Amino acid sequence: MNINMQASRIIRTTLAVLVALPVLLVASLLAQETSRHGRKYKPPPETSHIEVLVTKKFNGKPIMNAAVVFNPSTKDGKDLGSLEVKTDPEGKATIDIIPTGSVVRVQVIASGFATFAEDFEVNESTRQIEVALLRPQEQMSSYQDNSGKDSSRKAGVQEPVRPTTPSSNTKPDAKPSTSTAPAQTAPKPQ
């Protein structure tokens, strides 16, 4: 009988260990979950969908492949970096990562047009901005009124102005001189 009691005691302790082991493992995992020493999760800020339509001012046609530069900053002036998007064939550039409630400077650069830049406050979830680009204008001068005058330089690479007439020191019909220089004489003693 002594052997039967010992066998039953061994079976009971084995069963108790097998039942207690998973309970202890779950309790230790839960204890580790609550005592993490990491950063607290901060959700990203809400973002706005911004669509910029770039057209030509004189005829309203869209400008393809214009560079639209977004430079967002927070209301307290913290710069959030710059992002550049090219316009599609319809003249549209869209971006979805500008934080709502920020101020964004939109700059549009297109070949053959004057650069556009303006600040916009983005408080809504969707914002549409229309930009009509002008041809380059004459630079402003404090000496003359040139508002509204077209630029004297045209779009594209500017070549230097080269004279079309021959310069004044060479004559096309002049023949080279064949005379010889006069012989040098010794200075006269005084």
N, C-alpha and C. Protein backbone atom coordinates (compact mmCIF):
# COMPACT_ATOMS: atom_id res chain seq x y z
N MET A 1 0.79 -1.16 0.00
CA MET A 1 0.00 0.00 0.00
C MET A 1 0.86 1.26 0.00
N ASN A 2 1.94 1.13 0.56
CA ASN A 2 2.89 2.22 0.63
C ASN A 2 3.31 2.65 -0.77
N ILE A 3 3.46 1.75 -1.67
CA ILE A 3 3.86 2.05 -3.02
C ILE A 3 2.72 2.75 -3.76
N ASN A 4 1.49 2.31 -3.54
CA ASN A 4 0.35 2.95 -4.19
C ASN A 4 0.18 4.40 -3.74
N MET A 5 0.42 4.64 -2.45
CA MET A 5 0.30 6.02 -1.94
C MET A 5 1.39 6.91 -2.51
N GLN A 6 2.55 6.37 -2.64
CA GLN A 6 3.63 7.17 -3.20
C GLN A 6 3.38 7.46 -4.68
N ALA A 7 2.86 6.52 -5.40
CA ALA A 7 2.57 6.71 -6.81
C ALA A 7 1.46 7.73 -6.99
N SER A 8 0.44 7.68 -6.17
CA SER A 8 -0.65 8.65 -6.30
C SER A 8 -0.18 10.05 -5.90
N ARG A 9 0.69 10.14 -4.92
CA ARG A 9 1.23 11.44 -4.53
C ARG A 9 2.06 12.04 -5.67
N ILE A 10 2.85 11.24 -6.35
CA ILE A 10 3.66 11.71 -7.46
C ILE A 10 2.76 12.18 -8.61
N ILE A 11 1.71 11.45 -8.86
CA ILE A 11 0.78 11.82 -9.93
C ILE A 11 0.10 13.14 -9.59
N ARG A 12 -0.34 13.31 -8.33
CA ARG A 12 -1.01 14.57 -7.94
C ARG A 12 -0.06 15.76 -8.04
N THR A 13 1.16 15.62 -7.61
CA THR A 13 2.10 16.75 -7.70
C THR A 13 2.45 17.06 -9.15
N THR A 14 2.56 16.06 -9.96
CA THR A 14 2.84 16.28 -11.38
C THR A 14 1.68 17.04 -12.03
N LEU A 15 0.45 16.62 -11.73
CA LEU A 15 -0.72 17.32 -12.26
C LEU A 15 -0.78 18.76 -11.75
N ALA A 16 -0.48 18.98 -10.51
CA ALA A 16 -0.51 20.34 -9.94
C ALA A 16 0.52 21.22 -10.61
N VAL A 17 1.71 20.69 -10.89
CA VAL A 17 2.76 21.45 -11.56
C VAL A 17 2.34 21.76 -12.99
N LEU A 18 1.76 20.79 -13.68
CA LEU A 18 1.33 20.99 -15.06
C LEU A 18 0.20 22.03 -15.16
N VAL A 19 -0.68 22.09 -14.17
CA VAL A 19 -1.75 23.08 -14.18
C VAL A 19 -1.21 24.45 -13.77
N ALA A 20 -0.31 24.52 -12.83
CA ALA A 20 0.21 25.80 -12.32
C ALA A 20 1.19 26.46 -13.29
N LEU A 21 1.90 25.67 -14.08
CA LEU A 21 2.91 26.21 -14.98
C LEU A 21 2.33 27.19 -16.00
N PRO A 22 1.25 26.88 -16.74
CA PRO A 22 0.69 27.87 -17.67
C PRO A 22 0.15 29.11 -16.96
N VAL A 23 -0.41 28.95 -15.78
CA VAL A 23 -0.93 30.10 -15.04
C VAL A 23 0.22 31.03 -14.66
N LEU A 24 1.33 30.48 -14.24
CA LEU A 24 2.50 31.29 -13.88
C LEU A 24 3.09 31.99 -15.12
N LEU A 25 3.12 31.32 -16.26
CA LEU A 25 3.64 31.93 -17.48
C LEU A 25 2.77 33.11 -17.93
N VAL A 26 1.45 32.96 -17.88
CA VAL A 26 0.55 34.04 -18.28
C VAL A 26 0.70 35.21 -17.31
N ALA A 27 0.79 34.95 -16.02
CA ALA A 27 0.94 36.02 -15.03
C ALA A 27 2.25 36.77 -15.23
N SER A 28 3.32 36.08 -15.57
CA SER A 28 4.60 36.77 -15.78
C SER A 28 4.57 37.62 -17.05
N LEU A 29 3.90 37.15 -18.10
CA LEU A 29 3.78 37.94 -19.32
C LEU A 29 2.96 39.20 -19.08
N LEU A 30 1.88 39.10 -18.31
CA LEU A 30 1.07 40.27 -18.00
C LEU A 30 1.84 41.27 -17.15
N ALA A 31 2.66 40.79 -16.27
CA ALA A 31 3.46 41.69 -15.44
C ALA A 31 4.48 42.44 -16.29
N GLN A 32 5.04 41.79 -17.29
CA GLN A 32 5.99 42.45 -18.17
C GLN A 32 5.31 43.50 -19.05
N GLU A 33 4.07 43.23 -19.49
CA GLU A 33 3.33 44.17 -20.32
C GLU A 33 3.13 45.50 -19.60
N THR A 34 2.83 45.48 -18.35
CA THR A 34 2.52 46.72 -17.63
C THR A 34 3.78 47.46 -17.20
N SER A 35 4.94 46.85 -17.23
CA SER A 35 6.13 47.53 -16.74
C SER A 35 7.12 47.86 -17.86
N ARG A 36 6.63 48.14 -19.07
CA ARG A 36 7.53 48.54 -20.16
C ARG A 36 8.08 49.92 -19.89
N HIS A 37 9.31 50.12 -20.31
CA HIS A 37 9.98 51.41 -20.12
C HIS A 37 10.28 52.04 -21.47
N GLY A 38 9.30 52.25 -22.32
CA GLY A 38 9.51 52.85 -23.62
C GLY A 38 8.76 54.17 -23.71
N ARG A 39 8.82 54.76 -24.89
CA ARG A 39 8.08 56.00 -25.11
C ARG A 39 6.59 55.72 -25.16
N LYS A 40 5.84 56.72 -24.78
CA LYS A 40 4.40 56.59 -24.90
C LYS A 40 4.02 56.83 -26.35
N TYR A 41 3.01 56.14 -26.81
CA TYR A 41 2.57 56.27 -28.19
C TYR A 41 1.87 57.61 -28.37
N LYS A 42 2.33 58.34 -29.36
CA LYS A 42 1.71 59.61 -29.71
C LYS A 42 1.22 59.49 -31.14
N PRO A 43 -0.09 59.58 -31.36
CA PRO A 43 -0.59 59.42 -32.73
C PRO A 43 -0.13 60.58 -33.61
N PRO A 44 0.05 60.32 -34.90
CA PRO A 44 0.46 61.40 -35.80
C PRO A 44 -0.65 62.44 -35.92
N PRO A 45 -0.29 63.69 -36.26
CA PRO A 45 -1.32 64.73 -36.37
C PRO A 45 -2.22 64.49 -37.58
N GLU A 46 -3.41 65.07 -37.53
CA GLU A 46 -4.31 64.99 -38.67
C GLU A 46 -3.67 65.72 -39.84
N THR A 47 -3.91 65.23 -41.04
CA THR A 47 -3.33 65.86 -42.22
C THR A 47 -4.45 66.35 -43.14
N SER A 48 -4.08 67.28 -44.01
CA SER A 48 -5.02 67.85 -44.97
C SER A 48 -4.64 67.42 -46.37
N HIS A 49 -5.66 67.33 -47.21
CA HIS A 49 -5.47 67.04 -48.63
C HIS A 49 -5.42 68.39 -49.35
N ILE A 50 -4.27 68.71 -49.97
CA ILE A 50 -4.10 69.98 -50.65
C ILE A 50 -3.92 69.71 -52.14
N GLU A 51 -4.70 70.42 -52.95
CA GLU A 51 -4.62 70.29 -54.41
C GLU A 51 -4.34 71.67 -54.98
N VAL A 52 -3.26 71.78 -55.77
CA VAL A 52 -2.88 73.05 -56.40
C VAL A 52 -3.08 72.91 -57.91
N LEU A 53 -3.83 73.84 -58.48
CA LEU A 53 -4.06 73.88 -59.93
C LEU A 53 -3.23 75.03 -60.50
N VAL A 54 -2.30 74.74 -61.40
CA VAL A 54 -1.41 75.74 -61.99
C VAL A 54 -1.82 75.97 -63.44
N THR A 55 -2.16 77.22 -63.77
CA THR A 55 -2.57 77.58 -65.13
C THR A 55 -1.80 78.80 -65.62
N LYS A 56 -1.91 79.04 -66.93
CA LYS A 56 -1.33 80.25 -67.53
C LYS A 56 -2.34 81.38 -67.34
N LYS A 57 -1.89 82.53 -66.90
CA LYS A 57 -2.78 83.66 -66.63
C LYS A 57 -3.44 84.18 -67.90
N PHE A 58 -2.71 84.21 -69.01
CA PHE A 58 -3.23 84.85 -70.23
C PHE A 58 -4.25 84.00 -70.98
N ASN A 59 -4.25 82.66 -70.81
CA ASN A 59 -5.24 81.86 -71.54
C ASN A 59 -5.92 80.79 -70.69
N GLY A 60 -5.51 80.60 -69.44
CA GLY A 60 -6.16 79.65 -68.55
C GLY A 60 -5.82 78.19 -68.78
N LYS A 61 -4.88 77.89 -69.67
CA LYS A 61 -4.51 76.50 -69.94
C LYS A 61 -3.60 75.98 -68.83
N PRO A 62 -3.68 74.68 -68.49
CA PRO A 62 -2.85 74.13 -67.43
C PRO A 62 -1.37 74.06 -67.83
N ILE A 63 -0.52 74.15 -66.83
CA ILE A 63 0.93 74.05 -67.04
C ILE A 63 1.39 72.71 -66.51
N MET A 64 1.91 71.88 -67.39
CA MET A 64 2.40 70.56 -67.02
C MET A 64 3.85 70.64 -66.53
N ASN A 65 4.20 69.81 -65.58
CA ASN A 65 5.58 69.66 -65.10
C ASN A 65 6.12 70.88 -64.37
N ALA A 66 5.25 71.70 -63.81
CA ALA A 66 5.70 72.82 -62.98
C ALA A 66 6.06 72.28 -61.60
N ALA A 67 7.08 72.83 -60.98
CA ALA A 67 7.48 72.40 -59.64
C ALA A 67 6.66 73.17 -58.61
N VAL A 68 5.94 72.44 -57.75
CA VAL A 68 5.17 73.04 -56.67
C VAL A 68 5.87 72.64 -55.37
N VAL A 69 6.43 73.63 -54.66
CA VAL A 69 7.19 73.38 -53.44
C VAL A 69 6.32 73.76 -52.25
N PHE A 70 6.12 72.81 -51.33
CA PHE A 70 5.36 73.03 -50.11
C PHE A 70 6.34 73.15 -48.96
N ASN A 71 6.25 74.23 -48.20
CA ASN A 71 7.11 74.43 -47.04
C ASN A 71 6.21 74.71 -45.83
N PRO A 72 5.75 73.65 -45.13
CA PRO A 72 4.85 73.85 -44.00
C PRO A 72 5.61 74.24 -42.73
N SER A 73 4.93 74.98 -41.87
CA SER A 73 5.48 75.32 -40.55
C SER A 73 4.32 75.37 -39.57
N THR A 74 4.62 75.13 -38.31
CA THR A 74 3.58 75.17 -37.29
C THR A 74 3.23 76.63 -37.00
N LYS A 75 2.15 76.82 -36.25
CA LYS A 75 1.72 78.19 -35.95
C LYS A 75 2.76 78.94 -35.12
N ASP A 76 3.57 78.21 -34.35
CA ASP A 76 4.62 78.88 -33.56
C ASP A 76 5.91 79.08 -34.35
N GLY A 77 5.91 78.75 -35.65
CA GLY A 77 7.05 79.05 -36.51
C GLY A 77 8.02 77.91 -36.72
N LYS A 78 7.77 76.71 -36.17
CA LYS A 78 8.69 75.59 -36.35
C LYS A 78 8.59 75.06 -37.78
N ASP A 79 9.72 75.05 -38.49
CA ASP A 79 9.77 74.61 -39.88
C ASP A 79 9.65 73.09 -39.94
N LEU A 80 8.78 72.58 -40.80
CA LEU A 80 8.56 71.14 -40.92
C LEU A 80 9.23 70.54 -42.15
N GLY A 81 10.04 71.32 -42.86
CA GLY A 81 10.74 70.81 -44.04
C GLY A 81 10.08 71.23 -45.32
N SER A 82 10.64 70.79 -46.44
CA SER A 82 10.11 71.15 -47.76
C SER A 82 9.77 69.88 -48.54
N LEU A 83 8.73 69.99 -49.35
CA LEU A 83 8.31 68.88 -50.20
C LEU A 83 8.04 69.44 -51.60
N GLU A 84 8.49 68.74 -52.63
CA GLU A 84 8.27 69.21 -53.99
C GLU A 84 7.47 68.18 -54.77
N VAL A 85 6.45 68.67 -55.49
CA VAL A 85 5.59 67.83 -56.31
C VAL A 85 5.51 68.47 -57.69
N LYS A 86 5.57 67.66 -58.75
CA LYS A 86 5.42 68.16 -60.12
C LYS A 86 3.94 68.07 -60.52
N THR A 87 3.52 69.02 -61.37
CA THR A 87 2.14 69.00 -61.83
C THR A 87 1.96 67.95 -62.92
N ASP A 88 0.75 67.40 -62.99
CA ASP A 88 0.41 66.40 -64.00
C ASP A 88 -0.04 67.11 -65.28
N PRO A 89 -0.44 66.38 -66.33
CA PRO A 89 -0.86 67.04 -67.58
C PRO A 89 -2.05 67.99 -67.42
N GLU A 90 -2.87 67.81 -66.38
CA GLU A 90 -3.99 68.72 -66.12
C GLU A 90 -3.56 69.92 -65.29
N GLY A 91 -2.27 70.02 -64.95
CA GLY A 91 -1.76 71.14 -64.16
C GLY A 91 -2.02 71.01 -62.67
N LYS A 92 -2.32 69.81 -62.18
CA LYS A 92 -2.64 69.60 -60.76
C LYS A 92 -1.48 68.94 -60.03
N ALA A 93 -1.25 69.42 -58.81
CA ALA A 93 -0.28 68.80 -57.90
C ALA A 93 -1.01 68.58 -56.58
N THR A 94 -0.99 67.35 -56.07
CA THR A 94 -1.69 67.04 -54.82
C THR A 94 -0.72 66.49 -53.79
N ILE A 95 -1.04 66.75 -52.53
CA ILE A 95 -0.24 66.24 -51.42
C ILE A 95 -1.18 66.00 -50.24
N ASP A 96 -0.90 64.95 -49.47
CA ASP A 96 -1.79 64.55 -48.38
C ASP A 96 -1.10 64.52 -47.02
N ILE A 97 0.08 65.07 -46.86
CA ILE A 97 0.80 64.91 -45.60
C ILE A 97 1.07 66.21 -44.86
N ILE A 98 0.42 67.31 -45.26
CA ILE A 98 0.59 68.58 -44.56
C ILE A 98 -0.31 68.56 -43.33
N PRO A 99 0.23 68.81 -42.13
CA PRO A 99 -0.60 68.79 -40.92
C PRO A 99 -1.69 69.86 -40.94
N THR A 100 -2.90 69.47 -40.54
CA THR A 100 -4.01 70.42 -40.44
C THR A 100 -3.69 71.42 -39.33
N GLY A 101 -3.97 72.68 -39.59
CA GLY A 101 -3.69 73.73 -38.61
C GLY A 101 -2.32 74.36 -38.78
N SER A 102 -1.61 74.03 -39.85
CA SER A 102 -0.29 74.62 -40.08
C SER A 102 -0.37 75.71 -41.13
N VAL A 103 0.70 76.46 -41.24
CA VAL A 103 0.83 77.47 -42.29
C VAL A 103 1.79 76.89 -43.32
N VAL A 104 1.38 76.92 -44.59
CA VAL A 104 2.22 76.34 -45.64
C VAL A 104 2.51 77.40 -46.70
N ARG A 105 3.78 77.52 -47.05
CA ARG A 105 4.18 78.41 -48.14
C ARG A 105 4.20 77.56 -49.41
N VAL A 106 3.42 78.00 -50.38
CA VAL A 106 3.35 77.31 -51.67
C VAL A 106 4.13 78.14 -52.68
N GLN A 107 5.13 77.52 -53.30
CA GLN A 107 5.95 78.19 -54.30
C GLN A 107 5.83 77.39 -55.60
N VAL A 108 5.54 78.08 -56.70
CA VAL A 108 5.38 77.42 -57.99
C VAL A 108 6.45 77.96 -58.93
N ILE A 109 7.22 77.04 -59.53
CA ILE A 109 8.30 77.39 -60.44
C ILE A 109 8.06 76.66 -61.75
N ALA A 110 7.96 77.42 -62.85
CA ALA A 110 7.78 76.83 -64.17
C ALA A 110 8.65 77.58 -65.17
N SER A 111 9.21 76.86 -66.10
CA SER A 111 10.09 77.46 -67.10
C SER A 111 9.29 78.43 -67.97
N GLY A 112 9.81 79.65 -68.12
CA GLY A 112 9.18 80.65 -68.95
C GLY A 112 8.13 81.48 -68.23
N PHE A 113 7.98 81.30 -66.91
CA PHE A 113 6.98 82.03 -66.14
C PHE A 113 7.63 82.60 -64.89
N ALA A 114 7.03 83.69 -64.37
CA ALA A 114 7.51 84.29 -63.14
C ALA A 114 7.17 83.36 -61.98
N THR A 115 8.07 83.26 -61.00
CA THR A 115 7.86 82.40 -59.84
C THR A 115 6.74 82.97 -58.97
N PHE A 116 5.91 82.07 -58.44
CA PHE A 116 4.81 82.45 -57.56
C PHE A 116 5.11 81.91 -56.16
N ALA A 117 4.82 82.70 -55.12
CA ALA A 117 4.96 82.23 -53.74
C ALA A 117 3.94 82.95 -52.87
N GLU A 118 3.25 82.18 -52.03
CA GLU A 118 2.27 82.76 -51.11
C GLU A 118 2.07 81.81 -49.94
N ASP A 119 1.77 82.38 -48.76
CA ASP A 119 1.51 81.59 -47.56
C ASP A 119 0.02 81.33 -47.43
N PHE A 120 -0.35 80.10 -47.04
CA PHE A 120 -1.74 79.71 -46.83
C PHE A 120 -1.87 79.06 -45.47
N GLU A 121 -2.94 79.37 -44.75
CA GLU A 121 -3.24 78.72 -43.48
C GLU A 121 -4.18 77.56 -43.79
N VAL A 122 -3.78 76.35 -43.38
CA VAL A 122 -4.55 75.15 -43.70
C VAL A 122 -5.27 74.69 -42.43
N ASN A 123 -6.56 75.04 -42.33
CA ASN A 123 -7.35 74.65 -41.17
C ASN A 123 -8.42 73.62 -41.51
N GLU A 124 -8.63 73.34 -42.78
CA GLU A 124 -9.65 72.39 -43.19
C GLU A 124 -8.99 71.10 -43.67
N SER A 125 -9.81 70.04 -43.82
CA SER A 125 -9.25 68.75 -44.21
C SER A 125 -8.94 68.69 -45.71
N THR A 126 -9.60 69.54 -46.51
CA THR A 126 -9.34 69.59 -47.95
C THR A 126 -9.19 71.05 -48.37
N ARG A 127 -8.14 71.34 -49.14
CA ARG A 127 -7.89 72.71 -49.57
C ARG A 127 -7.53 72.71 -51.04
N GLN A 128 -8.19 73.56 -51.82
CA GLN A 128 -7.87 73.72 -53.23
C GLN A 128 -7.30 75.11 -53.44
N ILE A 129 -6.16 75.17 -54.12
CA ILE A 129 -5.46 76.43 -54.38
C ILE A 129 -5.29 76.57 -55.89
N GLU A 130 -5.69 77.70 -56.43
CA GLU A 130 -5.51 77.96 -57.86
C GLU A 130 -4.43 79.02 -58.03
N VAL A 131 -3.48 78.73 -58.91
CA VAL A 131 -2.36 79.63 -59.18
C VAL A 131 -2.32 79.90 -60.67
N ALA A 132 -2.40 81.18 -61.06
CA ALA A 132 -2.29 81.58 -62.46
C ALA A 132 -0.95 82.29 -62.63
N LEU A 133 -0.06 81.67 -63.40
CA LEU A 133 1.29 82.21 -63.56
C LEU A 133 1.34 83.24 -64.69
N LEU A 134 2.15 84.26 -64.47
CA LEU A 134 2.37 85.34 -65.43
C LEU A 134 3.68 85.13 -66.16
N ARG A 135 3.82 85.75 -67.30
CA ARG A 135 5.11 85.80 -67.97
C ARG A 135 6.03 86.66 -67.11
N PRO A 136 7.34 86.52 -67.22
CA PRO A 136 8.24 87.34 -66.42
C PRO A 136 7.99 88.83 -66.67
N GLN A 137 8.02 89.62 -65.61
CA GLN A 137 7.82 91.06 -65.70
C GLN A 137 9.16 91.77 -65.55
N GLU A 138 9.19 93.02 -65.96
CA GLU A 138 10.38 93.84 -65.78
C GLU A 138 10.64 93.97 -64.28
N GLN A 139 11.89 94.00 -63.87
CA GLN A 139 12.21 94.14 -62.46
C GLN A 139 11.77 95.50 -61.96
N MET A 140 11.38 95.54 -60.71
CA MET A 140 10.92 96.79 -60.12
C MET A 140 12.12 97.74 -59.95
N SER A 141 11.87 99.01 -60.18
CA SER A 141 12.92 100.01 -60.07
C SER A 141 12.39 101.19 -59.27
N SER A 142 13.23 101.78 -58.45
CA SER A 142 12.81 102.97 -57.71
C SER A 142 12.98 104.23 -58.55
N TYR A 143 13.56 104.11 -59.75
CA TYR A 143 13.81 105.26 -60.59
C TYR A 143 12.75 105.45 -61.67
N GLN A 144 12.04 104.37 -62.00
CA GLN A 144 11.02 104.51 -63.03
C GLN A 144 9.85 103.60 -62.71
N ASP A 145 8.69 103.93 -63.26
CA ASP A 145 7.49 103.11 -63.06
C ASP A 145 7.45 102.08 -64.17
N ASN A 146 7.68 100.81 -63.79
CA ASN A 146 7.65 99.77 -64.80
C ASN A 146 6.69 98.66 -64.40
N SER A 147 5.65 99.00 -63.67
CA SER A 147 4.67 97.98 -63.30
C SER A 147 3.86 97.59 -64.52
N GLY A 148 3.74 96.32 -64.76
CA GLY A 148 2.97 95.82 -65.88
C GLY A 148 3.74 95.68 -67.18
N LYS A 149 4.97 96.17 -67.25
CA LYS A 149 5.75 96.04 -68.48
C LYS A 149 6.30 94.63 -68.58
N ASP A 150 6.32 94.11 -69.79
CA ASP A 150 6.91 92.79 -70.00
C ASP A 150 8.42 92.86 -69.83
N SER A 151 9.01 91.74 -69.54
CA SER A 151 10.44 91.67 -69.37
C SER A 151 11.14 91.89 -70.70
N SER A 152 12.30 92.53 -70.65
CA SER A 152 13.08 92.72 -71.87
C SER A 152 13.85 91.44 -72.22
N ARG A 153 13.96 90.53 -71.26
CA ARG A 153 14.60 89.24 -71.51
C ARG A 153 13.52 88.20 -71.78
N LYS A 154 13.73 87.37 -72.74
CA LYS A 154 12.76 86.34 -73.09
C LYS A 154 13.08 85.06 -72.33
N ALA A 155 12.13 84.15 -72.30
CA ALA A 155 12.31 82.89 -71.60
C ALA A 155 13.37 82.04 -72.30
N GLY A 156 14.09 81.26 -71.53
CA GLY A 156 15.09 80.37 -72.10
C GLY A 156 16.49 80.89 -71.86
N VAL A 157 17.45 80.27 -72.53
CA VAL A 157 18.86 80.63 -72.37
C VAL A 157 19.12 81.94 -73.10
N GLN A 158 19.75 82.87 -72.42
CA GLN A 158 20.05 84.17 -73.01
C GLN A 158 21.47 84.17 -73.54
N GLU A 159 21.61 84.49 -74.82
CA GLU A 159 22.92 84.58 -75.45
C GLU A 159 23.40 86.02 -75.38
N PRO A 160 24.70 86.22 -75.24
CA PRO A 160 25.19 87.59 -75.22
C PRO A 160 24.99 88.27 -76.57
N VAL A 161 24.82 89.57 -76.55
CA VAL A 161 24.62 90.33 -77.78
C VAL A 161 25.97 90.47 -78.47
N ARG A 162 26.05 90.03 -79.69
CA ARG A 162 27.30 90.10 -80.46
C ARG A 162 27.10 91.12 -81.58
N PRO A 163 28.11 91.95 -81.82
CA PRO A 163 27.96 92.94 -82.89
C PRO A 163 27.87 92.25 -84.26
N THR A 164 27.03 92.81 -85.11
CA THR A 164 26.88 92.22 -86.45
C THR A 164 27.75 92.92 -87.48
N THR A 165 28.23 94.14 -87.17
CA THR A 165 29.11 94.86 -88.10
C THR A 165 30.54 94.67 -87.63
N PRO A 166 31.49 94.71 -88.55
CA PRO A 166 32.89 94.56 -88.15
C PRO A 166 33.31 95.72 -87.25
N SER A 167 34.27 95.44 -86.40
CA SER A 167 34.73 96.48 -85.48
C SER A 167 35.47 97.58 -86.24
N SER A 168 35.65 98.74 -85.64
CA SER A 168 36.18 99.92 -86.32
C SER A 168 37.68 99.86 -86.60
N ASN A 169 38.43 99.04 -85.89
CA ASN A 169 39.88 99.05 -86.10
C ASN A 169 40.32 98.14 -87.25
N THR A 170 39.46 97.31 -87.78
CA THR A 170 39.83 96.49 -88.93
C THR A 170 38.92 96.87 -90.09
N LYS A 171 39.53 97.11 -91.22
CA LYS A 171 38.77 97.44 -92.41
C LYS A 171 38.85 96.27 -93.36
N PRO A 172 37.73 95.84 -93.88
CA PRO A 172 37.77 94.65 -94.72
C PRO A 172 38.54 94.86 -96.02
N ASP A 173 38.57 96.06 -96.56
CA ASP A 173 39.26 96.29 -97.83
C ASP A 173 40.70 96.79 -97.64
N ALA A 174 41.14 96.98 -96.42
CA ALA A 174 42.47 97.53 -96.18
C ALA A 174 43.53 96.50 -96.52
N LYS A 175 44.58 96.97 -97.17
CA LYS A 175 45.69 96.08 -97.51
C LYS A 175 46.78 96.30 -96.49
N PRO A 176 47.52 95.25 -96.16
CA PRO A 176 48.58 95.42 -95.19
C PRO A 176 49.66 96.36 -95.71
N SER A 177 50.23 97.12 -94.82
CA SER A 177 51.25 98.11 -95.18
C SER A 177 52.57 97.39 -95.47
N THR A 178 53.28 97.82 -96.54
CA THR A 178 54.55 97.20 -96.90
C THR A 178 55.73 98.12 -96.63
N SER A 179 55.48 99.27 -96.04
CA SER A 179 56.59 100.19 -95.80
C SER A 179 57.43 99.68 -94.65
N THR A 180 58.69 100.06 -94.67
CA THR A 180 59.60 99.64 -93.62
C THR A 180 59.75 100.76 -92.62
N ALA A 181 60.12 100.41 -91.45
CA ALA A 181 60.27 101.40 -90.38
C ALA A 181 61.53 102.23 -90.65
N PRO A 182 61.54 103.53 -90.29
CA PRO A 182 62.73 104.35 -90.52
C PRO A 182 63.91 103.84 -89.70
N ALA A 183 65.10 104.03 -90.24
CA ALA A 183 66.31 103.59 -89.56
C ALA A 183 66.53 104.44 -88.33
N GLN A 184 67.02 103.80 -87.30
CA GLN A 184 67.25 104.55 -86.07
C GLN A 184 68.55 105.30 -86.18
N THR A 185 68.55 106.50 -85.67
CA THR A 185 69.77 107.32 -85.67
C THR A 185 70.21 107.54 -84.26
N ALA A 186 71.50 107.74 -84.10
CA ALA A 186 72.04 107.97 -82.75
C ALA A 186 71.65 109.38 -82.29
N PRO A 187 71.39 109.55 -81.03
CA PRO A 187 71.04 110.89 -80.54
C PRO A 187 72.20 111.84 -80.70
N LYS A 188 71.90 113.10 -80.96
CA LYS A 188 72.93 114.10 -81.16
C LYS A 188 73.48 114.52 -79.81
N PRO A 189 74.82 114.65 -79.74
CA PRO A 189 75.38 115.12 -78.47
C PRO A 189 75.14 116.63 -78.33
N GLN A 190 74.93 117.08 -77.14
CA GLN A 190 74.67 118.50 -76.90
C GLN A 190 75.81 119.18 -76.30
